[in-house]
N, C-alpha and C. Protein backbone atom coordinates (compact mmCIF):
# COMPACT_ATOMS: atom_id res chain seq x y z
N MET A 1 85.71 8.99 3.69
CA MET A 1 86.56 10.69 4.66
C MET A 1 87.15 11.04 3.34
N LEU A 2 87.60 9.30 2.99
CA LEU A 2 89.05 9.99 1.79
C LEU A 2 88.95 11.21 1.15
N SER A 3 87.32 11.22 0.50
CA SER A 3 87.30 12.32 -0.21
C SER A 3 87.14 13.80 0.08
N TYR A 4 86.61 13.68 1.52
CA TYR A 4 86.77 15.08 2.18
C TYR A 4 88.18 14.92 2.88
N ILE A 5 88.91 14.64 3.27
CA ILE A 5 90.30 14.95 3.54
C ILE A 5 90.64 15.72 2.25
N LYS A 6 91.24 14.78 1.47
CA LYS A 6 90.84 15.41 -0.72
C LYS A 6 90.97 16.13 -0.59
N ARG A 7 89.18 16.18 -0.45
CA ARG A 7 88.24 18.20 -1.27
C ARG A 7 89.33 19.13 0.21
N LYS A 8 89.12 19.18 1.32
CA LYS A 8 89.64 19.78 2.44
C LYS A 8 90.90 20.62 1.90
N LEU A 9 91.83 18.85 1.51
CA LEU A 9 93.30 19.57 1.07
C LEU A 9 93.24 20.43 -0.06
N SER A 10 92.57 20.30 -1.14
CA SER A 10 92.58 20.76 -2.76
C SER A 10 92.54 22.14 -1.74
N GLU A 11 90.60 22.60 -1.07
CA GLU A 11 90.17 23.61 -0.45
C GLU A 11 92.00 25.21 0.15
N SER A 12 92.59 24.05 0.66
CA SER A 12 93.56 24.35 1.65
C SER A 12 94.74 24.63 0.68
N ASP A 13 94.75 24.36 -0.46
CA ASP A 13 95.89 24.34 -1.21
C ASP A 13 95.46 25.61 -2.08
N SER A 14 94.21 26.00 -2.95
CA SER A 14 94.00 27.35 -2.72
C SER A 14 93.46 28.24 -2.44
N VAL A 15 93.68 28.13 -1.18
CA VAL A 15 93.99 29.46 -0.21
C VAL A 15 94.68 30.09 0.17
N ALA A 16 95.86 28.71 -0.57
CA ALA A 16 97.93 29.15 0.24
C ALA A 16 98.86 29.11 -1.24
N SER A 17 98.05 29.43 -2.30
CA SER A 17 98.53 28.45 -3.07
C SER A 17 100.27 30.03 -3.31
N SER A 18 100.39 31.06 -2.88
CA SER A 18 101.36 32.15 -2.65
C SER A 18 102.39 31.13 -2.10
N SER A 19 102.38 30.39 -1.09
CA SER A 19 103.37 29.69 -0.05
C SER A 19 103.29 28.29 -0.75
N SER A 20 102.81 27.84 -1.62
CA SER A 20 103.05 26.25 -1.74
C SER A 20 105.04 26.52 -2.39
N ASN A 21 104.99 27.12 -3.31
CA ASN A 21 106.13 26.87 -3.99
C ASN A 21 107.03 26.87 -2.99
N SER A 22 107.10 27.66 -1.79
CA SER A 22 108.36 27.36 -0.94
C SER A 22 107.85 26.09 0.31
N ASN A 23 106.46 25.56 -0.07
CA ASN A 23 107.31 23.87 0.37
C ASN A 23 106.72 22.79 -0.54
N SER A 24 107.51 23.10 -1.09
CA SER A 24 106.97 21.73 -2.08
C SER A 24 108.82 21.64 -3.34
N ASN A 25 108.20 20.14 -3.10
CA ASN A 25 109.73 19.73 -3.32
C ASN A 25 109.85 19.33 -5.08
N SER A 26 111.24 19.62 -5.73
CA SER A 26 111.65 20.07 -6.98
C SER A 26 110.70 19.62 -8.19
N ASN A 27 109.91 18.07 -7.97
CA ASN A 27 109.23 17.72 -9.05
C ASN A 27 107.14 18.67 -8.55
N GLY A 28 107.76 19.95 -7.91
CA GLY A 28 106.64 19.85 -7.60
C GLY A 28 105.19 19.64 -6.93
N SER A 29 105.16 18.69 -6.40
CA SER A 29 104.65 17.48 -5.53
C SER A 29 104.67 18.71 -3.85
N THR A 30 103.19 17.58 -2.49
CA THR A 30 103.59 18.05 -1.78
C THR A 30 104.58 17.61 -0.86
N THR A 31 105.22 18.15 0.60
CA THR A 31 106.05 17.21 1.54
C THR A 31 105.43 17.14 2.43
N ALA A 32 105.90 16.06 2.48
CA ALA A 32 105.08 14.81 4.31
C ALA A 32 104.72 16.61 5.14
N ALA A 33 105.54 17.44 5.63
CA ALA A 33 105.97 18.33 5.88
C ALA A 33 104.72 19.30 5.66
N GLU A 34 104.48 19.53 4.67
CA GLU A 34 103.56 20.19 4.15
C GLU A 34 101.69 19.47 4.70
N LEU A 35 101.96 18.11 3.79
CA LEU A 35 100.32 17.35 4.49
C LEU A 35 100.25 17.53 5.36
N VAL A 36 101.57 17.50 6.79
CA VAL A 36 101.12 17.36 7.96
C VAL A 36 99.91 19.15 8.87
N ARG A 37 100.87 20.02 8.08
CA ARG A 37 100.69 21.11 8.22
C ARG A 37 99.19 21.40 8.06
N LYS A 38 99.36 20.76 6.90
CA LYS A 38 97.29 21.16 5.55
C LYS A 38 96.42 20.30 6.97
N THR A 39 97.14 19.38 6.88
CA THR A 39 95.77 18.17 7.84
C THR A 39 95.38 18.95 8.79
N SER A 40 97.31 19.52 10.08
CA SER A 40 96.17 19.86 10.96
C SER A 40 95.52 21.28 10.79
N GLN A 41 95.90 21.93 10.00
CA GLN A 41 95.05 23.40 9.88
C GLN A 41 93.44 22.58 9.56
N MET A 42 92.77 21.40 8.93
CA MET A 42 91.94 21.56 9.04
C MET A 42 90.73 21.27 10.19
N SER A 43 89.32 21.45 10.48
CA SER A 43 88.88 21.15 11.41
C SER A 43 87.04 20.30 10.31
N LEU A 44 86.65 19.78 11.05
CA LEU A 44 85.53 19.81 11.27
C LEU A 44 84.91 20.29 13.43
N ASP A 45 84.12 20.47 13.17
CA ASP A 45 83.29 21.33 14.41
C ASP A 45 84.71 22.26 14.96
N ASN A 46 84.73 23.26 14.62
CA ASN A 46 86.39 23.57 14.69
C ASN A 46 86.99 23.00 15.73
N GLY A 47 87.96 22.06 15.64
CA GLY A 47 88.06 20.56 16.42
C GLY A 47 88.93 19.77 15.52
N ALA A 48 90.05 19.18 15.47
CA ALA A 48 91.29 18.54 14.93
C ALA A 48 90.11 17.64 14.00
N ILE A 49 90.90 17.14 12.90
CA ILE A 49 90.30 16.29 11.48
C ILE A 49 90.22 14.84 12.47
N ALA A 50 89.32 13.86 11.62
CA ALA A 50 88.60 12.99 12.56
C ALA A 50 89.61 12.29 11.74
N TYR A 51 89.62 11.35 11.88
CA TYR A 51 90.71 9.52 11.72
C TYR A 51 89.51 8.52 12.21
N GLY A 52 89.68 7.13 11.70
CA GLY A 52 90.23 6.01 12.44
C GLY A 52 88.00 6.05 13.60
N GLU A 53 88.43 5.73 14.47
CA GLU A 53 86.63 5.59 14.51
C GLU A 53 86.00 7.00 14.92
N ASP A 54 86.71 8.67 15.08
CA ASP A 54 86.49 9.38 15.52
C ASP A 54 85.49 9.65 13.57
N ALA A 55 86.01 9.62 12.76
CA ALA A 55 86.09 9.71 11.30
C ALA A 55 84.58 9.08 11.25
N LEU A 56 84.32 7.20 11.71
CA LEU A 56 83.52 6.91 11.75
C LEU A 56 82.05 7.81 12.26
N LEU A 57 82.07 7.28 13.13
CA LEU A 57 80.99 8.63 14.15
C LEU A 57 80.64 9.65 13.58
N HIS A 58 81.85 10.91 13.37
CA HIS A 58 81.53 11.74 12.38
C HIS A 58 81.42 11.50 11.08
N GLU A 59 81.08 10.36 10.61
CA GLU A 59 79.81 10.70 9.97
C GLU A 59 79.01 9.96 10.27
N LEU A 60 78.06 9.37 11.49
CA LEU A 60 77.13 8.62 11.73
C LEU A 60 76.16 10.77 12.23
N GLY A 61 76.78 11.37 12.39
CA GLY A 61 76.26 12.85 12.82
C GLY A 61 76.81 12.47 14.25
N TYR A 62 77.72 11.86 15.02
CA TYR A 62 78.61 12.70 16.52
C TYR A 62 79.78 13.25 16.59
N ARG A 63 79.17 14.22 17.18
CA ARG A 63 81.01 14.78 17.70
C ARG A 63 81.43 14.13 17.99
N ASN A 64 81.71 13.23 18.82
CA ASN A 64 83.24 12.33 19.60
C ASN A 64 82.22 10.80 20.59
N ALA A 65 82.71 9.74 20.48
CA ALA A 65 82.17 8.92 21.32
C ALA A 65 81.69 9.12 22.09
N THR A 66 81.68 10.16 23.24
CA THR A 66 80.80 10.83 24.53
C THR A 66 79.47 11.37 24.35
N ASP A 67 79.82 11.41 22.05
CA ASP A 67 77.95 12.35 22.09
C ASP A 67 77.48 10.59 21.69
N LEU A 68 77.84 9.47 21.13
CA LEU A 68 76.85 8.68 21.28
C LEU A 68 76.82 8.47 22.30
N GLN A 69 77.65 8.13 23.34
CA GLN A 69 77.32 7.25 24.60
C GLN A 69 75.93 8.02 25.20
N GLU A 70 76.24 9.24 25.77
CA GLU A 70 75.02 9.99 26.15
C GLU A 70 73.74 9.97 25.07
N THR A 71 74.06 10.21 23.57
CA THR A 71 72.35 9.06 23.13
C THR A 71 72.57 8.12 23.26
N ILE A 72 72.33 7.36 23.15
CA ILE A 72 71.80 6.18 24.17
C ILE A 72 71.67 5.41 25.49
N TYR A 73 72.11 6.32 26.68
CA TYR A 73 72.04 6.95 27.65
C TYR A 73 70.44 8.03 27.87
N ASP A 74 70.35 8.76 26.56
CA ASP A 74 69.12 8.74 26.51
C ASP A 74 67.79 8.24 26.58
N LEU A 75 68.11 7.03 25.25
CA LEU A 75 66.99 6.36 24.78
C LEU A 75 66.61 5.16 26.25
N LEU A 76 67.70 4.60 26.77
CA LEU A 76 67.83 3.83 27.79
C LEU A 76 67.87 4.78 28.96
N ARG A 77 67.69 5.10 29.34
CA ARG A 77 67.20 5.90 30.90
C ARG A 77 65.24 5.74 31.20
N THR A 78 64.64 6.26 30.06
CA THR A 78 63.21 5.74 30.04
C THR A 78 62.35 4.21 30.39
N ILE A 79 63.15 2.94 30.15
CA ILE A 79 62.94 1.93 29.83
C ILE A 79 62.54 1.44 31.27
N ARG A 80 61.36 1.71 30.72
CA ARG A 80 60.17 0.90 32.97
C ARG A 80 60.87 -0.42 32.97
N ASP A 81 60.95 -0.50 34.66
CA ASP A 81 61.08 -1.47 34.84
C ASP A 81 60.37 -2.90 34.54
N PRO A 82 60.04 -4.28 34.56
CA PRO A 82 59.13 -4.85 34.09
C PRO A 82 57.71 -5.35 34.93
N GLU A 83 58.42 -4.81 36.55
CA GLU A 83 58.00 -5.00 38.32
C GLU A 83 57.97 -4.55 38.30
N LYS A 84 59.01 -3.51 38.25
CA LYS A 84 58.04 -2.49 39.24
C LYS A 84 57.59 -1.13 38.59
N PRO A 85 57.51 0.41 39.88
CA PRO A 85 56.17 1.30 38.58
C PRO A 85 57.79 2.52 38.78
N CYS A 86 58.87 2.13 38.50
CA CYS A 86 60.10 2.45 38.43
C CYS A 86 61.05 2.76 36.56
N THR A 87 61.51 3.69 36.05
CA THR A 87 62.82 3.11 34.81
C THR A 87 63.91 2.57 35.82
N LEU A 88 64.56 2.67 34.50
CA LEU A 88 65.43 1.16 34.83
C LEU A 88 66.69 1.90 35.11
N GLU A 89 66.47 3.92 34.50
CA GLU A 89 67.49 5.16 35.39
C GLU A 89 67.22 4.97 37.05
N ASP A 90 65.97 4.85 37.37
CA ASP A 90 65.49 5.00 38.99
C ASP A 90 65.96 4.15 39.94
N LEU A 91 66.69 2.65 39.17
CA LEU A 91 66.55 1.01 40.24
C LEU A 91 68.71 0.94 39.45
N ASN A 92 68.45 2.65 39.20
CA ASN A 92 70.27 2.35 39.01
C ASN A 92 71.00 0.66 38.42
N VAL A 93 69.85 0.77 37.29
CA VAL A 93 69.40 -0.85 36.16
C VAL A 93 70.62 -0.53 35.33
N ILE A 94 70.22 0.94 34.96
CA ILE A 94 71.43 1.84 33.70
C ILE A 94 71.69 2.61 34.32
N TYR A 95 72.91 2.98 33.42
CA TYR A 95 73.91 4.03 34.56
C TYR A 95 74.70 4.65 33.26
N GLU A 96 75.13 5.72 32.78
CA GLU A 96 76.26 5.82 32.07
C GLU A 96 76.68 5.56 31.65
N ASP A 97 77.89 5.45 33.01
CA ASP A 97 79.23 4.94 32.80
C ASP A 97 79.52 3.24 31.90
N GLY A 98 78.19 2.43 32.70
CA GLY A 98 78.26 1.19 31.92
C GLY A 98 77.94 1.37 30.13
N ILE A 99 78.24 2.10 29.68
CA ILE A 99 77.50 2.50 28.30
C ILE A 99 78.95 2.66 27.53
N PHE A 100 79.74 1.73 27.04
CA PHE A 100 81.09 2.09 26.08
C PHE A 100 80.86 1.54 25.16
N VAL A 101 81.69 3.15 24.62
CA VAL A 101 81.66 2.98 21.98
C VAL A 101 83.37 2.38 22.66
N MET A 102 83.66 1.03 22.02
CA MET A 102 84.09 0.72 21.46
C MET A 102 84.66 0.60 20.22
N GLN A 103 86.15 0.51 19.88
CA GLN A 103 87.29 -0.21 18.24
C GLN A 103 86.21 -0.37 17.71
N PRO A 104 85.57 0.07 16.46
CA PRO A 104 84.50 -0.61 15.41
C PRO A 104 85.20 -1.64 14.72
N THR A 105 84.20 -2.88 13.81
CA THR A 105 85.15 -3.16 13.80
C THR A 105 85.72 -3.69 12.42
N ARG A 106 86.64 -4.62 11.19
CA ARG A 106 86.88 -4.49 10.46
C ARG A 106 86.05 -3.69 9.19
N SER A 107 84.71 -4.30 9.18
CA SER A 107 84.33 -3.42 8.01
C SER A 107 83.29 -1.85 8.77
N ASN A 108 84.17 -1.12 9.26
CA ASN A 108 83.88 -0.32 9.86
C ASN A 108 82.15 0.06 10.82
N VAL A 109 82.02 -0.56 11.50
CA VAL A 109 80.33 -0.91 12.62
C VAL A 109 81.29 -0.45 13.31
N SER A 110 80.30 0.69 14.16
CA SER A 110 80.13 0.83 15.24
C SER A 110 80.21 0.33 16.06
N VAL A 111 80.94 -0.18 17.52
CA VAL A 111 80.93 -1.19 18.24
C VAL A 111 80.68 -0.72 20.15
N VAL A 112 78.92 -0.82 20.37
CA VAL A 112 79.27 -0.31 21.92
C VAL A 112 79.14 -1.20 22.72
N ARG A 113 79.12 -1.51 23.84
CA ARG A 113 79.19 -2.88 24.64
C ARG A 113 78.58 -1.78 25.52
N ILE A 114 77.07 -2.38 26.40
CA ILE A 114 76.21 -1.79 27.35
C ILE A 114 76.33 -2.58 28.72
N GLU A 115 75.98 -2.57 29.47
CA GLU A 115 75.88 -3.56 30.53
C GLU A 115 75.34 -2.91 31.37
N PHE A 116 74.73 -3.97 31.88
CA PHE A 116 74.12 -3.54 33.10
C PHE A 116 73.51 -3.94 34.49
N ASN A 117 73.04 -3.29 35.48
CA ASN A 117 73.10 -4.28 36.57
C ASN A 117 71.60 -4.79 37.10
N PRO A 118 71.36 -6.07 37.58
CA PRO A 118 70.28 -6.20 38.15
C PRO A 118 70.29 -5.45 39.16
N THR A 119 68.60 -4.98 39.55
CA THR A 119 68.64 -5.23 41.08
C THR A 119 68.90 -5.97 42.17
N VAL A 120 68.79 -7.23 42.27
CA VAL A 120 69.43 -8.47 42.70
C VAL A 120 70.73 -9.91 42.21
N PRO A 121 71.17 -10.12 42.25
CA PRO A 121 71.43 -11.56 42.66
C PRO A 121 71.04 -12.64 41.24
N HIS A 122 69.72 -12.96 41.56
CA HIS A 122 68.61 -13.83 41.23
C HIS A 122 67.74 -13.31 40.90
N CYS A 123 67.89 -11.96 39.49
CA CYS A 123 66.70 -11.70 38.92
C CYS A 123 66.56 -12.11 37.82
N SER A 124 65.42 -12.68 37.88
CA SER A 124 64.57 -13.63 37.06
C SER A 124 63.65 -12.88 35.43
N LEU A 125 63.72 -11.41 35.76
CA LEU A 125 63.73 -10.80 34.68
C LEU A 125 64.99 -10.17 33.96
N ALA A 126 66.05 -10.30 34.20
CA ALA A 126 67.40 -10.40 34.32
C ALA A 126 67.21 -10.50 32.43
N THR A 127 66.94 -11.42 32.08
CA THR A 127 66.91 -11.94 30.12
C THR A 127 66.18 -10.45 29.44
N LEU A 128 64.48 -10.11 30.16
CA LEU A 128 63.67 -9.77 30.38
C LEU A 128 64.84 -7.70 29.06
N ILE A 129 65.15 -7.83 30.94
CA ILE A 129 65.83 -5.73 31.09
C ILE A 129 67.22 -6.04 29.30
N GLY A 130 67.23 -7.32 29.59
CA GLY A 130 69.14 -7.04 28.47
C GLY A 130 67.91 -6.52 27.53
N LEU A 131 67.20 -7.54 26.69
CA LEU A 131 66.73 -7.58 25.85
C LEU A 131 65.19 -6.48 25.54
N CYS A 132 64.92 -5.41 25.78
CA CYS A 132 64.26 -4.25 26.43
C CYS A 132 65.65 -3.17 25.90
N ILE A 133 66.48 -3.26 26.77
CA ILE A 133 67.53 -2.82 25.90
C ILE A 133 67.80 -3.17 24.70
N ARG A 134 68.09 -3.44 24.37
CA ARG A 134 68.58 -4.32 22.79
C ARG A 134 67.96 -3.48 21.49
N VAL A 135 66.85 -4.03 21.93
CA VAL A 135 65.33 -3.26 21.07
C VAL A 135 64.99 -1.72 21.00
N LYS A 136 65.42 -1.45 22.28
CA LYS A 136 65.27 0.58 22.46
C LYS A 136 66.26 0.96 21.23
N VAL A 137 67.80 0.24 21.90
CA VAL A 137 68.70 0.43 21.12
C VAL A 137 68.71 0.53 19.46
N GLU A 138 67.60 -0.79 18.83
CA GLU A 138 68.08 -0.63 17.89
C GLU A 138 66.95 -0.08 17.08
N ARG A 139 66.03 -0.16 17.67
CA ARG A 139 65.43 0.90 17.30
C ARG A 139 65.07 2.43 17.17
N GLY A 140 66.00 3.15 17.91
CA GLY A 140 66.49 4.43 18.25
C GLY A 140 67.10 4.95 17.54
N LEU A 141 67.81 4.06 16.83
CA LEU A 141 69.30 4.90 16.26
C LEU A 141 69.23 4.58 14.31
N PRO A 142 69.07 5.78 14.33
CA PRO A 142 69.19 5.98 12.79
C PRO A 142 70.72 5.16 11.76
N HIS A 143 71.12 4.85 13.50
CA HIS A 143 72.18 3.63 11.90
C HIS A 143 72.48 2.51 12.45
N ASN A 144 72.88 1.27 11.52
CA ASN A 144 72.94 -0.11 12.07
C ASN A 144 74.39 0.11 13.10
N ILE A 145 74.45 -0.41 14.57
CA ILE A 145 76.19 -0.61 15.18
C ILE A 145 75.29 -1.77 15.95
N LYS A 146 77.05 -2.23 15.93
CA LYS A 146 76.58 -3.82 16.58
C LYS A 146 76.83 -3.80 17.70
N LEU A 147 75.63 -4.31 18.76
CA LEU A 147 75.17 -4.48 20.06
C LEU A 147 76.12 -5.50 20.85
N ASP A 148 76.35 -5.21 22.23
CA ASP A 148 77.48 -6.45 23.51
C ASP A 148 76.37 -6.09 23.70
N ILE A 149 75.58 -6.80 25.10
CA ILE A 149 75.07 -6.25 26.03
C ILE A 149 75.31 -7.08 26.99
N TYR A 150 75.47 -7.04 28.45
CA TYR A 150 76.13 -7.39 29.50
C TYR A 150 76.17 -7.49 30.73
N ILE A 151 75.52 -8.84 32.14
CA ILE A 151 75.19 -8.41 33.21
C ILE A 151 76.35 -7.64 33.53
N LYS A 152 76.89 -6.76 34.61
CA LYS A 152 77.84 -5.71 34.90
C LYS A 152 78.87 -7.05 35.30
N LYS A 153 79.84 -7.67 36.01
CA LYS A 153 80.59 -8.41 36.35
C LYS A 153 80.30 -8.60 37.69
N GLY A 154 79.68 -10.48 37.99
CA GLY A 154 79.76 -10.38 39.41
C GLY A 154 77.69 -9.73 39.62
N ALA A 155 77.39 -9.25 38.62
CA ALA A 155 75.37 -8.85 39.74
C ALA A 155 75.17 -9.85 39.36
N HIS A 156 75.77 -11.12 39.82
CA HIS A 156 74.32 -12.14 38.95
C HIS A 156 74.37 -13.38 38.88
N GLN A 157 73.77 -15.02 39.23
CA GLN A 157 74.22 -15.75 39.77
C GLN A 157 74.49 -16.41 38.00
N THR A 158 73.57 -16.34 37.54
CA THR A 158 73.51 -16.93 36.24
C THR A 158 74.19 -15.79 35.01
N GLU A 159 74.83 -15.26 35.00
CA GLU A 159 75.47 -13.95 34.13
C GLU A 159 75.67 -14.30 32.98
N GLU A 160 76.59 -15.78 32.54
CA GLU A 160 77.25 -16.51 31.74
C GLU A 160 76.12 -16.60 30.93
N GLU A 161 75.03 -17.75 30.84
CA GLU A 161 73.26 -17.74 30.59
C GLU A 161 73.08 -16.13 29.85
N ILE A 162 72.96 -16.11 30.83
CA ILE A 162 72.24 -14.83 29.90
C ILE A 162 73.29 -13.49 29.06
N ASN A 163 73.84 -13.59 29.66
CA ASN A 163 74.70 -12.51 28.47
C ASN A 163 74.56 -13.80 27.00
N LYS A 164 75.13 -14.50 27.52
CA LYS A 164 74.28 -15.27 26.01
C LYS A 164 73.37 -15.23 25.09
N GLN A 165 71.73 -15.11 26.30
CA GLN A 165 70.16 -15.47 25.85
C GLN A 165 70.72 -14.26 24.75
N ILE A 166 71.25 -12.62 25.75
CA ILE A 166 70.53 -11.07 24.80
C ILE A 166 71.61 -11.15 23.43
N ASN A 167 73.05 -11.50 23.46
CA ASN A 167 73.47 -11.82 22.61
C ASN A 167 73.65 -12.88 21.54
N ASP A 168 72.65 -13.13 21.51
CA ASP A 168 72.07 -14.70 20.10
C ASP A 168 71.04 -13.57 19.29
N LYS A 169 71.54 -13.47 18.42
CA LYS A 169 70.86 -12.89 16.93
C LYS A 169 69.06 -14.09 17.49
N GLU A 170 69.28 -15.45 16.95
CA GLU A 170 68.90 -16.45 16.76
C GLU A 170 68.23 -16.55 18.12
N ARG A 171 68.53 -16.18 18.85
CA ARG A 171 67.14 -16.36 20.19
C ARG A 171 66.10 -15.19 20.14
N ILE A 172 67.33 -13.68 20.51
CA ILE A 172 66.43 -12.84 20.53
C ILE A 172 65.10 -12.57 19.65
N ALA A 173 65.64 -13.50 17.69
CA ALA A 173 64.97 -13.23 16.86
C ALA A 173 63.68 -14.01 17.43
N ALA A 174 63.68 -14.97 17.86
CA ALA A 174 62.53 -16.23 18.36
C ALA A 174 61.71 -15.61 19.50
N ALA A 175 62.49 -14.91 20.71
CA ALA A 175 61.82 -14.21 21.57
C ALA A 175 60.68 -13.18 21.25
N MET A 176 61.93 -12.82 20.16
CA MET A 176 60.79 -11.46 19.21
C MET A 176 59.45 -11.90 19.19
N GLU A 177 59.53 -12.90 18.08
CA GLU A 177 58.23 -13.46 16.95
C GLU A 177 56.97 -14.31 18.85
N ASN A 178 57.42 -14.34 20.11
CA ASN A 178 56.51 -14.62 20.38
C ASN A 178 55.15 -13.95 20.91
N PRO A 179 53.85 -13.28 21.32
CA PRO A 179 53.46 -12.09 21.18
C PRO A 179 53.47 -12.03 22.49
N ASN A 180 53.34 -12.71 23.58
CA ASN A 180 52.72 -12.00 24.81
C ASN A 180 54.73 -11.21 25.44
N LEU A 181 55.74 -11.91 25.04
CA LEU A 181 56.89 -11.64 25.07
C LEU A 181 56.87 -10.01 24.73
N ARG A 182 56.35 -9.86 23.43
CA ARG A 182 56.92 -8.84 22.69
C ARG A 182 55.43 -7.69 23.52
N GLU A 183 55.02 -8.35 23.87
CA GLU A 183 53.26 -7.01 24.20
C GLU A 183 54.66 -6.77 26.08
N LEU A 184 55.14 -7.49 26.19
CA LEU A 184 55.69 -7.05 27.05
C LEU A 184 56.87 -5.96 27.52
N VAL A 185 58.13 -6.24 25.80
CA VAL A 185 58.77 -5.61 25.53
C VAL A 185 58.33 -4.17 25.00
N GLU A 186 57.35 -4.09 24.16
CA GLU A 186 56.94 -3.40 23.70
C GLU A 186 56.00 -2.35 25.52
N ASN A 187 55.87 -2.62 26.23
CA ASN A 187 55.37 -1.79 28.10
C ASN A 187 56.18 -1.29 28.18
N CYS A 188 57.64 -2.10 28.12
CA CYS A 188 58.73 -1.74 28.13
C CYS A 188 59.76 -0.19 28.19
N ILE A 189 59.70 -1.06 26.67
CA ILE A 189 60.32 0.26 26.39
C ILE A 189 59.04 1.15 25.65
N LYS A 190 58.21 1.41 25.87
CA LYS A 190 57.47 2.90 25.37
C LYS A 190 57.24 4.27 26.21
N ASP A 191 57.83 4.82 25.56
CA ASP A 191 58.15 6.48 26.02
C ASP A 191 56.40 7.41 26.83
N GLU A 192 56.99 7.63 27.52
CA GLU A 192 55.83 7.94 27.95
C GLU A 192 54.98 10.09 26.99
N GLU A 193 53.43 9.28 26.94
CA GLU A 193 53.17 10.16 26.46
C GLU A 193 52.80 11.34 27.28
């Protein structure tokens, strides 16, 4: 991203070379006010220059956090319920307001928190639904993100235990090695033809 900013600054310098003498200090370097003016003139997709979290999202191909949120929701809305002939969207288990794009990690990895709401407080398949959500997002996005998947607060009797299970890498790997469980997940996440 820094190289992008430097490149854009040099491009704006060549375009505005006639006014550079009036905006430079005595040793020829650009003043802070001039840098602010130049960076405010730069744009990505006709918007302000991206920095921080937005810069990371731009590098991944998204306009902003809402764009990533909508992309993830489009992936999740087609997951079928393990018991009923409906999608998780139809049952309001998955909803767009339950997808949150968080601050990236220190190593600059996007973090997405997905909240889902089981249909009943004693849903025996909540762990399977969480696993389906994780697998669908991980397969559907072309880049690495950190996923935190949680049951909506107060929506399940054993939400803390299930939240630990669906966010534990070792348990997820072990679950996906089980052929019967893997087949259940595959059936729930496969796209309609």
